C-alpha atoms as a PDB file:
ATOM      1  CA  MET A   1      85.016 117.018  82.298  1.00  0.00           C
ATOM      2  CA  HIS A   2      81.556 115.831  84.572  1.00  0.00           C
ATOM      3  CA  LEU A   3      79.830 114.478  81.179  1.00  0.00           C
ATOM      4  CA  PRO A   4      78.366 111.127  81.682  1.00  0.00           C
ATOM      5  CA  LYS A   5      80.957 108.738  80.032  1.00  0.00           C
ATOM      6  CA  ALA A   6      82.056 104.934  79.537  1.00  0.00           C
ATOM      7  CA  GLU A   7      85.573 104.316  80.125  1.00  0.00           C
ATOM      8  CA  LEU A   8      86.677 101.462  77.584  1.00  0.00           C
ATOM      9  CA  HIS A   9      90.611 101.841  77.163  1.00  0.00           C
ATOM     10  CA  LEU A  10      92.185 101.886  81.100  1.00  0.00           C
ATOM     11  CA  HIS A  11      95.062  99.924  81.732  1.00  0.00           C
ATOM     12  CA  ILE A  12      94.855  99.433  85.728  1.00  0.00           C
ATOM     13  CA  GLU A  13      98.603  99.173  86.284  1.00  0.00           C
ATOM     14  CA  GLY A  14      98.286 103.032  84.286  1.00  0.00           C
ATOM     15  CA  THR A  15      96.435 103.872  87.233  1.00  0.00           C
ATOM     16  CA  LEU A  16      99.843 103.880  90.002  1.00  0.00           C
ATOM     17  CA  GLU A  17     100.147 107.440  90.712  1.00  0.00           C
ATOM     18  CA  PRO A  18     103.735 108.239  92.134  1.00  0.00           C
ATOM     19  CA  GLU A  19     102.509 108.900  95.545  1.00  0.00           C
ATOM     20  CA  LEU A  20     100.820 105.191  95.592  1.00  0.00           C
ATOM     21  CA  ALA A  21     103.693 103.849  94.108  1.00  0.00           C
ATOM     22  CA  PHE A  22     106.109 104.641  97.139  1.00  0.00           C
ATOM     23  CA  ALA A  23     103.429 103.841  99.446  1.00  0.00           C
ATOM     24  CA  LEU A  24     103.101 100.687  98.286  1.00  0.00           C
ATOM     25  CA  ALA A  25     106.992 100.186  98.231  1.00  0.00           C
ATOM     26  CA  ALA A  26     107.267 100.952 101.849  1.00  0.00           C
ATOM     27  CA  ARG A  27     104.441  98.505 102.537  1.00  0.00           C
ATOM     28  CA  ASN A  28     105.887  95.942 100.885  1.00  0.00           C
ATOM     29  CA  GLY A  29     109.666  96.601 101.605  1.00  0.00           C
ATOM     30  CA  VAL A  30     110.577  97.571  97.654  1.00  0.00           C
ATOM     31  CA  ASP A  31     113.146  99.805  97.185  1.00  0.00           C
ATOM     32  CA  LEU A  32     112.482 102.066  94.108  1.00  0.00           C
ATOM     33  CA  PRO A  33     115.097 103.863  91.754  1.00  0.00           C
ATOM     34  CA  TYR A  34     113.760 107.387  92.803  1.00  0.00           C
ATOM     35  CA  ALA A  35     114.520 109.324  95.643  1.00  0.00           C
ATOM     36  CA  ASP A  36     110.893 110.847  96.025  1.00  0.00           C
ATOM     37  CA  THR A  37     107.393 110.946  93.826  1.00  0.00           C
ATOM     38  CA  GLU A  38     109.024 114.471  91.810  1.00  0.00           C
ATOM     39  CA  GLU A  39     111.848 112.508  90.376  1.00  0.00           C
ATOM     40  CA  LEU A  40     109.772 109.573  89.803  1.00  0.00           C
ATOM     41  CA  ARG A  41     107.408 112.014  87.454  1.00  0.00           C
ATOM     42  CA  LYS A  42     110.774 113.075  85.531  1.00  0.00           C
ATOM     43  CA  ALA A  43     111.235 109.605  84.351  1.00  0.00           C
ATOM     44  CA  TYR A  44     107.826 110.248  82.943  1.00  0.00           C
ATOM     45  CA  LEU A  45     108.815 111.743  79.518  1.00  0.00           C
ATOM     46  CA  PHE A  46     109.026 109.152  76.850  1.00  0.00           C
ATOM     47  CA  GLU A  47     110.431 108.362  72.897  1.00  0.00           C
ATOM     48  CA  ASP A  48     108.191 105.938  72.087  1.00  0.00           C
ATOM     49  CA  LEU A  49     105.532 102.999  73.644  1.00  0.00           C
ATOM     50  CA  GLN A  50     108.899 100.611  74.692  1.00  0.00           C
ATOM     51  CA  SER A  51     110.374 103.415  76.925  1.00  0.00           C
ATOM     52  CA  PHE A  52     107.085 104.008  78.455  1.00  0.00           C
ATOM     53  CA  LEU A  53     106.528 100.215  78.925  1.00  0.00           C
ATOM     54  CA  ASP A  54     110.056  99.819  80.401  1.00  0.00           C
ATOM     55  CA  LEU A  55     108.817 102.149  83.205  1.00  0.00           C
ATOM     56  CA  TYR A  56     105.270 100.873  83.561  1.00  0.00           C
ATOM     57  CA  TYR A  57     106.366  96.754  84.232  1.00  0.00           C
ATOM     58  CA  ALA A  58     109.553  98.736  86.791  1.00  0.00           C
ATOM     59  CA  LEU A  59     107.034  99.618  88.585  1.00  0.00           C
ATOM     60  CA  MET A  60     105.025  97.223  88.843  1.00  0.00           C
ATOM     61  CA  ALA A  61     107.479  95.476  91.844  1.00  0.00           C
ATOM     62  CA  VAL A  62     105.542  97.525  94.201  1.00  0.00           C
ATOM     63  CA  LEU A  63     102.069  95.384  93.647  1.00  0.00           C
ATOM     64  CA  ARG A  64     102.180  92.265  95.661  1.00  0.00           C
ATOM     65  CA  THR A  65      98.858  91.794  97.778  1.00  0.00           C
ATOM     66  CA  GLU A  66      95.475  91.504  97.001  1.00  0.00           C
ATOM     67  CA  GLU A  67      94.846  94.555  98.837  1.00  0.00           C
ATOM     68  CA  ASP A  68      97.682  96.563  96.679  1.00  0.00           C
ATOM     69  CA  PHE A  69      95.400  95.270  93.787  1.00  0.00           C
ATOM     70  CA  ALA A  70      92.209  96.419  95.650  1.00  0.00           C
ATOM     71  CA  GLU A  71      93.770 100.170  96.130  1.00  0.00           C
ATOM     72  CA  LEU A  72      94.652 100.079  93.280  1.00  0.00           C
ATOM     73  CA  ALA A  73      91.591 100.204  91.854  1.00  0.00           C
ATOM     74  CA  ASP A  74      89.796 102.411  94.647  1.00  0.00           C
ATOM     75  CA  ALA A  75      92.018 104.807  93.706  1.00  0.00           C
ATOM     76  CA  TYR A  76      90.524 104.995  90.066  1.00  0.00           C
ATOM     77  CA  LEU A  77      87.786 104.599  90.535  1.00  0.00           C
ATOM     78  CA  ALA A  78      87.660 107.265  92.590  1.00  0.00           C
ATOM     79  CA  ARG A  79      89.115 109.930  89.939  1.00  0.00           C
ATOM     80  CA  ALA A  80      86.757 108.042  87.616  1.00  0.00           C
ATOM     81  CA  ALA A  81      83.758 108.868  89.428  1.00  0.00           C
ATOM     82  CA  ALA A  82      84.691 112.609  89.513  1.00  0.00           C
ATOM     83  CA  GLN A  83      84.782 112.899  86.205  1.00  0.00           C
ATOM     84  CA  GLY A  84      81.594 111.319  85.171  1.00  0.00           C
ATOM     85  CA  VAL A  85      82.534 107.898  84.468  1.00  0.00           C
ATOM     86  CA  ARG A  86      79.598 106.252  84.918  1.00  0.00           C
ATOM     87  CA  HIS A  87      81.109 102.933  83.713  1.00  0.00           C
ATOM     88  CA  ALA A  88      84.696 101.539  82.805  1.00  0.00           C
ATOM     89  CA  GLU A  89      85.984  97.827  81.261  1.00  0.00           C
ATOM     90  CA  ILE A  90      89.311  97.326  82.890  1.00  0.00           C
ATOM     91  CA  PHE A  91      92.298  95.758  81.475  1.00  0.00           C
ATOM     92  CA  PHE A  92      94.764  94.339  83.031  1.00  0.00           C
ATOM     93  CA  ASP A  93      98.111  92.204  82.492  1.00  0.00           C
ATOM     94  CA  PRO A  94      98.360  89.046  84.787  1.00  0.00           C
ATOM     95  CA  GLN A  95     101.144  87.794  82.678  1.00  0.00           C
ATOM     96  CA  ALA A  96     103.272  90.912  83.939  1.00  0.00           C
ATOM     97  CA  HIS A  97     102.191  89.641  87.382  1.00  0.00           C
ATOM     98  CA  THR A  98     102.547  86.214  87.527  1.00  0.00           C
ATOM     99  CA  ASP A  99     106.306  86.471  85.660  1.00  0.00           C
ATOM    100  CA  ARG A 100     107.401  87.402  88.806  1.00  0.00           C
ATOM    101  CA  GLY A 101     105.670  85.444  91.327  1.00  0.00           C
ATOM    102  CA  VAL A 102     102.606  87.146  92.023  1.00  0.00           C
ATOM    103  CA  PRO A 103      99.564  84.253  91.297  1.00  0.00           C
ATOM    104  CA  ILE A 104      96.660  85.318  89.014  1.00  0.00           C
ATOM    105  CA  GLY A 105      94.321  84.887  92.141  1.00  0.00           C
ATOM    106  CA  THR A 106      95.846  87.296  93.781  1.00  0.00           C
ATOM    107  CA  VAL A 107      95.499  90.123  91.350  1.00  0.00           C
ATOM    108  CA  ILE A 108      92.139  88.646  89.847  1.00  0.00           C
ATOM    109  CA  GLU A 109      90.741  88.618  93.784  1.00  0.00           C
ATOM    110  CA  GLY A 110      92.271  91.917  95.035  1.00  0.00           C
ATOM    111  CA  LEU A 111      90.994  93.930  91.584  1.00  0.00           C
ATOM    112  CA  GLY A 112      87.320  92.235  92.470  1.00  0.00           C
ATOM    113  CA  ARG A 113      86.946  93.620  95.891  1.00  0.00           C
ATOM    114  CA  ALA A 114      87.422  96.675  94.600  1.00  0.00           C
ATOM    115  CA  LEU A 115      85.305  96.468  91.491  1.00  0.00           C
ATOM    116  CA  ASP A 116      82.171  94.467  93.922  1.00  0.00           C
ATOM    117  CA  ARG A 117      81.722  97.880  95.923  1.00  0.00           C
ATOM    118  CA  SER A 118      81.864 100.352  92.930  1.00  0.00           C
ATOM    119  CA  GLU A 119      78.934 100.534  92.159  1.00  0.00           C
ATOM    120  CA  GLU A 120      78.025 101.635  95.421  1.00  0.00           C
ATOM    121  CA  THR A 121      80.714 103.475  96.797  1.00  0.00           C
ATOM    122  CA  HIS A 122      81.336 105.192  93.638  1.00  0.00           C
ATOM    123  CA  GLY A 123      78.498 105.138  91.323  1.00  0.00           C
ATOM    124  CA  ILE A 124      80.417 102.928  88.309  1.00  0.00           C
ATOM    125  CA  SER A 125      79.567  99.162  87.230  1.00  0.00           C
ATOM    126  CA  THR A 126      82.584  97.836  85.811  1.00  0.00           C
ATOM    127  CA  GLN A 127      83.919  95.139  83.652  1.00  0.00           C
ATOM    128  CA  LEU A 128      87.408  92.680  83.687  1.00  0.00           C
ATOM    129  CA  ILE A 129      89.546  92.445  80.364  1.00  0.00           C
ATOM    130  CA  MET A 130      92.120  90.316  80.652  1.00  0.00           C
ATOM    131  CA  CYS A 131      94.810  91.202  78.364  1.00  0.00           C
ATOM    132  CA  PHE A 132      97.262  89.243  76.493  1.00  0.00           C
ATOM    133  CA  LEU A 133     101.277  90.545  76.591  1.00  0.00           C
ATOM    134  CA  ARG A 134     101.891  90.716  72.950  1.00  0.00           C
ATOM    135  CA  ASP A 135     105.888  90.205  72.999  1.00  0.00           C
ATOM    136  CA  LYS A 136     105.276  86.845  74.365  1.00  0.00           C
ATOM    137  CA  SER A 137     104.682  84.175  72.898  1.00  0.00           C
ATOM    138  CA  GLU A 138     100.759  82.589  72.149  1.00  0.00           C
ATOM    139  CA  ALA A 139     101.719  79.275  74.768  1.00  0.00           C
ATOM    140  CA  SER A 140     102.325  81.881  77.476  1.00  0.00           C
ATOM    141  CA  ALA A 141      98.804  83.280  76.465  1.00  0.00           C
ATOM    142  CA  LEU A 142      97.132  79.807  76.448  1.00  0.00           C
ATOM    143  CA  GLU A 143      99.086  79.335  79.945  1.00  0.00           C
ATOM    144  CA  THR A 144      97.269  82.266  80.902  1.00  0.00           C
ATOM    145  CA  LEU A 145      94.089  81.528  79.797  1.00  0.00           C
ATOM    146  CA  GLU A 146      93.920  78.208  81.500  1.00  0.00           C
ATOM    147  CA  ALA A 147      94.978  79.389  84.616  1.00  0.00           C
ATOM    148  CA  SER A 148      92.346  82.139  85.096  1.00  0.00           C
ATOM    149  CA  LYS A 149      89.593  79.840  84.260  1.00  0.00           C
ATOM    150  CA  PRO A 150      88.573  79.608  88.396  1.00  0.00           C
ATOM    151  CA  TYR A 151      87.906  83.147  87.898  1.00  0.00           C
ATOM    152  CA  LEU A 152      86.057  83.435  84.572  1.00  0.00           C
ATOM    153  CA  HIS A 153      82.881  84.923  86.472  1.00  0.00           C
ATOM    154  CA  ARG A 154      85.201  88.006  87.259  1.00  0.00           C
ATOM    155  CA  ILE A 155      86.315  88.042  83.645  1.00  0.00           C
ATOM    156  CA  SER A 156      84.150  89.417  80.515  1.00  0.00           C
ATOM    157  CA  ALA A 157      86.922  89.886  78.001  1.00  0.00           C
ATOM    158  CA  VAL A 158      90.483  89.163  76.649  1.00  0.00           C
ATOM    159  CA  GLY A 159      92.574  91.474  74.919  1.00  0.00           C
ATOM    160  CA  LEU A 160      96.024  91.845  73.289  1.00  0.00           C
ATOM    161  CA  ASP A 161      98.426  94.973  74.364  1.00  0.00           C
ATOM    162  CA  SER A 162     101.846  95.754  74.960  1.00  0.00           C
ATOM    163  CA  ALA A 163     104.070  96.332  72.302  1.00  0.00           C
ATOM    164  CA  GLU A 164     102.278  96.244  69.186  1.00  0.00           C
ATOM    165  CA  VAL A 165     105.600  95.783  66.439  1.00  0.00           C
ATOM    166  CA  GLY A 166     106.827  92.714  64.946  1.00  0.00           C
ATOM    167  CA  HIS A 167     103.529  90.931  66.755  1.00  0.00           C
ATOM    168  CA  PRO A 168     100.898  90.951  64.812  1.00  0.00           C
ATOM    169  CA  PRO A 169      97.691  89.957  65.831  1.00  0.00           C
ATOM    170  CA  ALA A 170      97.770  86.270  64.036  1.00  0.00           C
ATOM    171  CA  LYS A 171     100.158  85.273  66.468  1.00  0.00           C
ATOM    172  CA  PHE A 172      97.100  84.986  69.004  1.00  0.00           C
ATOM    173  CA  ARG A 173      94.725  83.054  66.258  1.00  0.00           C
ATOM    174  CA  GLU A 174      95.130  79.840  68.761  1.00  0.00           C
ATOM    175  CA  VAL A 175      94.510  81.862  72.075  1.00  0.00           C
ATOM    176  CA  TYR A 176      91.484  83.393  70.740  1.00  0.00           C
ATOM    177  CA  ALA A 177      89.738  81.082  69.626  1.00  0.00           C
ATOM    178  CA  ALA A 178      90.045  79.238  72.799  1.00  0.00           C
ATOM    179  CA  ALA A 179      88.581  82.895  74.543  1.00  0.00           C
ATOM    180  CA  THR A 180      85.252  82.658  72.146  1.00  0.00           C
ATOM    181  CA  ALA A 181      85.145  78.929  72.949  1.00  0.00           C
ATOM    182  CA  LEU A 182      84.661  80.080  76.407  1.00  0.00           C
ATOM    183  CA  GLY A 183      82.206  82.286  75.620  1.00  0.00           C
ATOM    184  CA  LEU A 184      84.724  85.749  76.305  1.00  0.00           C
ATOM    185  CA  ARG A 185      84.488  88.712  74.203  1.00  0.00           C
ATOM    186  CA  LYS A 186      87.187  89.834  72.434  1.00  0.00           C
ATOM    187  CA  VAL A 187      89.099  93.200  71.785  1.00  0.00           C
ATOM    188  CA  ALA A 188      92.716  94.301  70.817  1.00  0.00           C
ATOM    189  CA  HIS A 189      95.053  96.269  70.688  1.00  0.00           C
ATOM    190  CA  ALA A 190      96.140  97.184  67.272  1.00  0.00           C
ATOM    191  CA  GLY A 191      96.832  99.943  64.724  1.00  0.00           C
ATOM    192  CA  GLU A 192      98.413 101.759  67.855  1.00  0.00           C
ATOM    193  CA  GLU A 193     102.148 101.647  66.271  1.00  0.00           C
ATOM    194  CA  GLY A 194     101.410  98.830  63.922  1.00  0.00           C
ATOM    195  CA  PRO A 195     100.459  99.026  60.429  1.00  0.00           C
ATOM    196  CA  PRO A 196      96.850  98.986  59.163  1.00  0.00           C
ATOM    197  CA  GLU A 197      96.765  95.709  58.875  1.00  0.00           C
ATOM    198  CA  TYR A 198      97.183  94.566  61.813  1.00  0.00           C
ATOM    199  CA  ILE A 199      93.339  96.175  62.820  1.00  0.00           C
ATOM    200  CA  ARG A 200      92.427  94.030  59.762  1.00  0.00           C
ATOM    201  CA  GLU A 201      94.157  90.881  61.482  1.00  0.00           C
ATOM    202  CA  ALA A 202      92.471  91.641  64.598  1.00  0.00           C
ATOM    203  CA  LEU A 203      88.791  91.786  63.086  1.00  0.00           C
ATOM    204  CA  ASP A 204      89.445  88.679  60.541  1.00  0.00           C
ATOM    205  CA  VAL A 205      92.026  86.375  62.395  1.00  0.00           C
ATOM    206  CA  LEU A 206      90.820  87.246  66.163  1.00  0.00           C
ATOM    207  CA  GLY A 207      87.482  88.181  65.709  1.00  0.00           C
ATOM    208  CA  VAL A 208      87.263  91.445  68.285  1.00  0.00           C
ATOM    209  CA  GLU A 209      84.445  93.222  68.267  1.00  0.00           C
ATOM    210  CA  ARG A 210      86.562  96.640  69.449  1.00  0.00           C
ATOM    211  CA  ILE A 211      89.728  98.058  68.177  1.00  0.00           C
ATOM    212  CA  ASP A 212      91.976  99.744  70.867  1.00  0.00           C
ATOM    213  CA  HIS A 213      93.421 102.353  69.318  1.00  0.00           C
ATOM    214  CA  GLY A 214      93.072 102.098  65.912  1.00  0.00           C
ATOM    215  CA  LEU A 215      94.453 105.719  65.056  1.00  0.00           C
ATOM    216  CA  ARG A 216      96.379 103.749  61.891  1.00  0.00           C
ATOM    217  CA  CYS A 217      93.348 103.046  60.094  1.00  0.00           C
ATOM    218  CA  MET A 218      93.082 107.260  58.723  1.00  0.00           C
ATOM    219  CA  GLU A 219      96.516 105.626  56.318  1.00  0.00           C
ATOM    220  CA  ASP A 220      93.986 102.876  54.837  1.00  0.00           C
ATOM    221  CA  PRO A 221      90.849 104.667  52.964  1.00  0.00           C
ATOM    222  CA  GLU A 222      88.883 101.107  52.421  1.00  0.00           C
ATOM    223  CA  LEU A 223      89.660 100.076  55.858  1.00  0.00           C
ATOM    224  CA  VAL A 224      87.819 103.316  57.237  1.00  0.00           C
ATOM    225  CA  GLY A 225      85.015 102.813  54.804  1.00  0.00           C
ATOM    226  CA  ARG A 226      85.027  98.693  56.333  1.00  0.00           C
ATOM    227  CA  LEU A 227      85.151 100.481  59.686  1.00  0.00           C
ATOM    228  CA  VAL A 228      82.149 102.625  59.383  1.00  0.00           C
ATOM    229  CA  SER A 229      80.190 100.307  57.641  1.00  0.00           C
ATOM    230  CA  GLU A 230      80.605  97.196  60.290  1.00  0.00           C
ATOM    231  CA  ARG A 231      80.145 100.443  63.457  1.00  0.00           C
ATOM    232  CA  ILE A 232      83.543  99.060  65.132  1.00  0.00           C
ATOM    233  CA  PRO A 233      84.425 100.900  68.041  1.00  0.00           C
ATOM    234  CA  LEU A 234      87.638 102.378  68.244  1.00  0.00           C
ATOM    235  CA  THR A 235      88.982 103.389  71.714  1.00  0.00           C
ATOM    236  CA  LEU A 236      91.376 106.028  71.032  1.00  0.00           C
ATOM    237  CA  CYS A 237      93.810 107.632  73.402  1.00  0.00           C
ATOM    238  CA  PRO A 238      94.839 111.300  72.395  1.00  0.00           C
ATOM    239  CA  LEU A 239      96.687 112.292  75.508  1.00  0.00           C
ATOM    240  CA  SER A 240      98.483 108.528  75.228  1.00  0.00           C
ATOM    241  CA  ASN A 241      98.812 108.786  71.687  1.00  0.00           C
ATOM    242  CA  VAL A 242     100.999 112.126  71.990  1.00  0.00           C
ATOM    243  CA  ARG A 243     102.674 111.253  75.325  1.00  0.00           C
ATOM    244  CA  LEU A 244     104.441 108.074  73.016  1.00  0.00           C
ATOM    245  CA  ARG A 245     105.479 110.244  69.957  1.00  0.00           C
ATOM    246  CA  ALA A 246     102.546 108.271  67.771  1.00  0.00           C
ATOM    247  CA  ILE A 247     101.440 112.350  67.236  1.00  0.00           C
ATOM    248  CA  ASP A 248     103.687 115.383  67.799  1.00  0.00           C
ATOM    249  CA  VAL A 249     100.831 117.362  69.219  1.00  0.00           C
ATOM    250  CA  LEU A 250      97.294 117.339  70.267  1.00  0.00           C
ATOM    251  CA  GLU A 251      96.102 119.943  67.635  1.00  0.00           C
ATOM    252  CA  GLN A 252      97.338 117.120  64.821  1.00  0.00           C
ATOM    253  CA  HIS A 253      95.579 114.685  66.349  1.00  0.00           C
ATOM    254  CA  PRO A 254      92.639 113.015  63.758  1.00  0.00           C
ATOM    255  CA  LEU A 255      90.396 112.666  65.634  1.00  0.00           C
ATOM    256  CA  ARG A 256      87.913 115.256  64.485  1.00  0.00           C
ATOM    257  CA  ALA A 257      88.820 113.539  60.764  1.00  0.00           C
ATOM    258  CA  MET A 258      87.785 110.183  62.304  1.00  0.00           C
ATOM    259  CA  MET A 259      84.500 111.536  63.594  1.00  0.00           C
ATOM    260  CA  ASP A 260      83.641 113.607  60.182  1.00  0.00           C
ATOM    261  CA  ALA A 261      83.958 110.064  58.304  1.00  0.00           C
ATOM    262  CA  GLY A 262      81.855 108.537  59.936  1.00  0.00           C
ATOM    263  CA  LEU A 263      83.826 106.078  62.486  1.00  0.00           C
ATOM    264  CA  LEU A 264      82.812 105.195  65.886  1.00  0.00           C
ATOM    265  CA  CYS A 265      85.110 107.297  67.619  1.00  0.00           C
ATOM    266  CA  THR A 266      85.751 106.700  71.853  1.00  0.00           C
ATOM    267  CA  VAL A 267      88.320 108.633  73.859  1.00  0.00           C
ATOM    268  CA  ASN A 268      89.537 107.446  76.908  1.00  0.00           C
ATOM    269  CA  SER A 269      92.497 107.469  79.414  1.00  0.00           C
ATOM    270  CA  ASP A 270      95.247 104.480  78.413  1.00  0.00           C
ATOM    271  CA  ASP A 271      97.318 104.539  81.404  1.00  0.00           C
ATOM    272  CA  PRO A 272      96.583 108.368  83.081  1.00  0.00           C
ATOM    273  CA  ALA A 273      98.999 108.013  85.763  1.00  0.00           C
ATOM    274  CA  TYR A 274     101.709 108.391  82.814  1.00  0.00           C
ATOM    275  CA  PHE A 275     100.204 110.217  80.355  1.00  0.00           C
ATOM    276  CA  GLY A 276      99.009 113.371  82.128  1.00  0.00           C
ATOM    277  CA  GLY A 277      95.116 112.943  82.122  1.00  0.00           C
ATOM    278  CA  TYR A 278      92.602 110.931  83.443  1.00  0.00           C
ATOM    279  CA  VAL A 279      89.141 110.454  80.599  1.00  0.00           C
ATOM    280  CA  GLY A 280      87.437 114.103  81.965  1.00  0.00           C
ATOM    281  CA  ASP A 281      90.692 115.758  81.353  1.00  0.00           C
ATOM    282  CA  THR A 282      91.151 114.143  78.075  1.00  0.00           C
ATOM    283  CA  PHE A 283      87.434 115.313  76.857  1.00  0.00           C
ATOM    284  CA  HIS A 284      88.490 118.719  78.074  1.00  0.00           C
ATOM    285  CA  ALA A 285      91.915 118.596  76.361  1.00  0.00           C
ATOM    286  CA  VAL A 286      90.055 117.505  73.011  1.00  0.00           C
ATOM    287  CA  HIS A 287      87.984 120.043  73.417  1.00  0.00           C
ATOM    288  CA  GLU A 288      90.310 122.571  73.600  1.00  0.00           C
ATOM    289  CA  ALA A 289      92.962 121.685  71.012  1.00  0.00           C
ATOM    290  CA  LEU A 290      90.334 120.194  68.104  1.00  0.00           C
ATOM    291  CA  GLY A 291      87.513 122.990  68.965  1.00  0.00           C
ATOM    292  CA  LEU A 292      84.960 120.034  69.711  1.00  0.00           C
ATOM    293  CA  ASP A 293      81.538 121.959  69.694  1.00  0.00           C
ATOM    294  CA  ARG A 294      79.093 120.517  72.748  1.00  0.00           C
ATOM    295  CA  GLU A 295      77.741 118.196  70.324  1.00  0.00           C
ATOM    296  CA  HIS A 296      81.262 116.455  69.558  1.00  0.00           C
ATOM    297  CA  LEU A 297      81.771 115.520  73.088  1.00  0.00           C
ATOM    298  CA  ARG A 298      78.059 114.167  73.562  1.00  0.00           C
ATOM    299  CA  THR A 299      78.691 112.183  70.607  1.00  0.00           C
ATOM    300  CA  LEU A 300      81.779 111.016  72.057  1.00  0.00           C
ATOM    301  CA  ALA A 301      79.735 110.254  75.483  1.00  0.00           C
ATOM    302  CA  ARG A 302      77.298 108.738  73.736  1.00  0.00           C
ATOM    303  CA  ASN A 303      79.498 106.072  71.347  1.00  0.00           C
ATOM    304  CA  SER A 304      81.354 104.980  74.635  1.00  0.00           C
ATOM    305  CA  PHE A 305      78.025 103.304  76.212  1.00  0.00           C
ATOM    306  CA  GLU A 306      77.181 102.005  73.012  1.00  0.00           C
ATOM    307  CA  ALA A 307      80.247 100.291  72.372  1.00  0.00           C
ATOM    308  CA  ALA A 308      80.008  99.336  76.224  1.00  0.00           C
ATOM    309  CA  PHE A 309      79.753  95.417  76.519  1.00  0.00           C
ATOM    310  CA  LEU A 310      76.121  96.015  78.087  1.00  0.00           C
ATOM    311  CA  ASP A 311      74.193  93.899  75.946  1.00  0.00           C
ATOM    312  CA  HIS A 312      72.903  92.178  78.735  1.00  0.00           C
ATOM    313  CA  ASP A 313      71.859  95.167  80.350  1.00  0.00           C
ATOM    314  CA  GLU A 314      70.110  97.300  77.799  1.00  0.00           C
ATOM    315  CA  GLU A 315      68.372  98.975  80.319  1.00  0.00           C
ATOM    316  CA  ARG A 316      71.191 100.096  82.086  1.00  0.00           C
ATOM    317  CA  ARG A 317      72.691 100.926  79.068  1.00  0.00           C
ATOM    318  CA  ALA A 318      70.014 103.114  78.393  1.00  0.00           C
ATOM    319  CA  ARG A 319      69.904 104.883  80.912  1.00  0.00           C
ATOM    320  CA  TYR A 320      73.671 106.006  80.802  1.00  0.00           C
ATOM    321  CA  LEU A 321      72.852 107.263  77.431  1.00  0.00           C
ATOM    322  CA  SER A 322      69.299 109.621  79.053  1.00  0.00           C
ATOM    323  CA  GLU A 323      72.293 110.474  81.323  1.00  0.00           C
ATOM    324  CA  VAL A 324      74.257 112.031  77.874  1.00  0.00           C
ATOM    325  CA  GLU A 325      71.453 113.607  76.340  1.00  0.00           C
ATOM    326  CA  ALA A 326      69.804 115.364  79.667  1.00  0.00           C
ATOM    327  CA  TYR A 327      73.710 116.733  80.625  1.00  0.00           C
ATOM    328  CA  ALA A 328      73.554 120.355  80.691  1.00  0.00           C
ATOM    329  CA  PHE A 329      77.401 121.574  79.837  1.00  0.00           C
ATOM    330  CA  ASP A 330      78.552 124.663  81.946  1.00  0.00           C
END
């Protein structure tokens, strides 16, 4: 679906398609435990978040050089442009790379090479969001933040991802305070598999401005009321929720009920190489499965630009919103 939109919940490592994984493996001398791309794709059947993460981290072994990270980002941007993305705020996981010996500068400068030319090449404005792995210690997150300081000109915000259950947001209170002192914006995954209380903690303890996922807020009417009144954006990922068994089938996804409740919902692809579609595919899927009409879809696109970290460039935001209003559905 080519409706103009921003993508606000996208893990760049989760855009590693099997074909590129094998190409990078060959270039870098990495042996993958799969015979070919077809066998690898068969591994993309997950029981839960952890089973996905096991494969996700294993495949990262092919990413070694600046060129690898630039190629990964450029491939995503090309696909995103073809599906109507005009602005992308891209997550990356530095600890997943530094822990295997890849310097943080290699990761950031490699991604930056692709992002620097994104607007000219793909018509997409971009920002980078550096995520901390919540199943690691806060000390590790603080070390990562310290190591990122030479590259802060490339980083707009910090985030929190990976295995949620048992790792509440409050665990990262200090590193988020340090990020605030550096002038970085703040988001966090909360309420995907974790309880609604994790959403509250992310807001009250970490001071986040957006909630990534937030699916389980619907279990807590008081929390829903707060999210509505404070206009806290939720970056929902419906195809991900189905693939990771948070929702049995897409037809049961609460997206429409969430919109009806007044929540500021956005739709995103999360890890599209693993979850069956990029963001335009996701828009089409929820349109079909949930009976969303054109105004619902236009609202989701409008929300994505309103939730984007474009405060420094309101003229750009206004231009993107005008494109949404002018879009003519087929």
